Amino acid sequence: MPLKKVSFTDAREELSALIDEVRDSGRPIAITRHGKPVAVLMNMEALEQKLAVQEQRPWMLRGSGTWQGAAEEIESAIQSIRQQTQATSADRIKKITRDLAGK
């Protein structure tokens, strides 16, 4: 279902009714200026759910791996992945060295 759009002027005049509509239907309403969406009026529960999901989204750490968790914990995740990568690299170097020595 497409997002309902309301002009800023109309939204200002009908704000109470729009809030009731969003609360009752659970569907967000886009507020427009000059025909372009500039804001969204949405149910508080829906916003809290979106924010909670966003905090737990998977992060792609360049060149190493993925991590899922809160943004505040990313430094420790980066450190952990670096340690894993260094250990893996050291194992690869040892294997290559053994392979070359055996040839």
Protein backbone atom coordinates (compact mmCIF):
# COMPACT_ATOMS: atom_id res chain seq x y z
CA MET A 1 0.00 0.00 0.00
CA PRO A 2 1.48 3.37 -0.97
CA LEU A 3 2.36 5.89 1.72
CA LYS A 4 -0.31 8.52 2.29
CA LYS A 5 1.03 12.01 1.54
CA VAL A 6 -0.22 15.22 3.15
CA SER A 7 1.03 18.74 2.44
CA PHE A 8 2.69 20.62 5.29
CA THR A 9 -0.11 23.19 5.33
CA ASP A 10 -2.81 20.51 5.55
CA ALA A 11 -0.83 18.58 8.16
CA ARG A 12 -0.53 21.67 10.34
CA GLU A 13 -4.29 22.23 10.16
CA GLU A 14 -5.19 18.54 10.68
CA LEU A 15 -2.39 17.39 13.00
CA SER A 16 -4.64 15.99 15.73
CA ALA A 17 -6.67 13.95 13.23
CA LEU A 18 -3.50 12.72 11.49
CA ILE A 19 -2.01 11.59 14.81
CA ASP A 20 -5.20 9.66 15.56
CA GLU A 21 -5.10 8.09 12.09
CA VAL A 22 -1.49 6.96 12.50
CA ARG A 23 -2.19 5.61 15.99
CA ASP A 24 -5.28 3.70 14.87
CA SER A 25 -4.06 2.39 11.50
CA GLY A 26 -0.37 1.94 12.30
CA ARG A 27 0.48 3.28 8.83
CA PRO A 28 2.88 6.23 8.54
CA ILE A 29 1.98 9.46 6.73
CA ALA A 30 4.47 11.45 4.65
CA ILE A 31 4.46 15.22 5.12
CA THR A 32 5.35 17.08 1.91
CA ARG A 33 6.58 20.54 1.00
CA HIS A 34 6.25 21.63 -2.58
CA GLY A 35 5.20 18.08 -3.44
CA LYS A 36 8.36 16.43 -2.03
CA PRO A 37 8.36 14.28 1.13
CA VAL A 38 10.28 16.01 3.96
CA ALA A 39 9.04 14.22 7.11
CA VAL A 40 7.08 11.21 8.28
CA LEU A 41 4.45 10.96 10.97
CA MET A 42 4.56 7.43 12.36
CA ASN A 43 3.47 5.29 15.28
CA MET A 44 5.93 5.41 18.19
CA GLU A 45 5.99 1.62 18.56
CA ALA A 46 6.93 1.25 14.89
CA LEU A 47 9.75 3.76 15.31
CA GLU A 48 11.09 1.98 18.39
CA GLN A 49 11.02 -1.35 16.52
CA LYS A 50 12.90 0.15 13.55
CA LEU A 51 15.53 1.65 15.85
CA ALA A 52 15.98 -1.64 17.72
CA VAL A 53 16.43 -3.55 14.46
CA GLN A 54 18.89 -0.94 13.22
CA GLU A 55 21.00 -1.30 16.38
CA GLN A 56 21.33 -5.04 15.73
CA ARG A 57 21.95 -4.89 11.99
CA PRO A 58 24.89 -6.81 10.56
CA TRP A 59 27.98 -4.72 9.83
CA MET A 60 30.36 -5.54 7.01
CA LEU A 61 33.89 -4.88 8.12
CA ARG A 62 36.01 -4.20 5.05
CA GLY A 63 38.15 -7.11 3.99
CA SER A 64 37.55 -9.29 7.00
CA GLY A 65 34.08 -10.31 8.05
CA THR A 66 30.68 -9.39 9.32
CA TRP A 67 29.50 -8.46 12.77
CA GLN A 68 26.06 -7.95 14.25
CA GLY A 69 25.45 -5.83 17.31
CA ALA A 70 25.21 -2.32 18.67
CA ALA A 71 27.29 0.39 17.04
CA GLU A 72 28.96 1.16 20.37
CA GLU A 73 30.55 -2.31 20.39
CA ILE A 74 32.12 -2.09 16.96
CA GLU A 75 35.64 -1.30 18.20
CA SER A 76 35.85 -4.55 20.17
CA ALA A 77 34.44 -6.45 17.17
CA ILE A 78 37.07 -4.95 14.87
CA GLN A 79 39.81 -5.91 17.32
CA SER A 80 38.49 -9.48 17.55
CA ILE A 81 38.29 -9.89 13.77
CA ARG A 82 41.81 -8.46 13.37
CA GLN A 83 43.12 -11.06 15.80
CA GLN A 84 41.32 -13.83 13.90
CA THR A 85 42.68 -12.54 10.59
CA GLN A 86 46.24 -12.32 11.93
CA ALA A 87 46.05 -15.88 13.26
CA THR A 88 44.67 -17.13 9.94
CA SER A 89 47.37 -15.25 8.02
CA ALA A 90 50.09 -16.70 10.25
CA ASP A 91 48.73 -20.22 9.65
CA ARG A 92 48.71 -19.60 5.88
CA ILE A 93 52.29 -18.37 5.93
CA LYS A 94 53.40 -21.45 7.89
CA LYS A 95 51.61 -23.75 5.41
CA ILE A 96 53.13 -21.98 2.39
CA THR A 97 56.58 -22.14 3.99
CA ARG A 98 56.19 -25.88 4.65
CA ASP A 99 54.92 -26.46 1.10
CA LEU A 100 57.85 -24.56 -0.39
CA ALA A 101 60.38 -26.36 1.81
CA GLY A 102 58.91 -29.73 0.78
CA LYS A 103 59.30 -29.01 -2.93
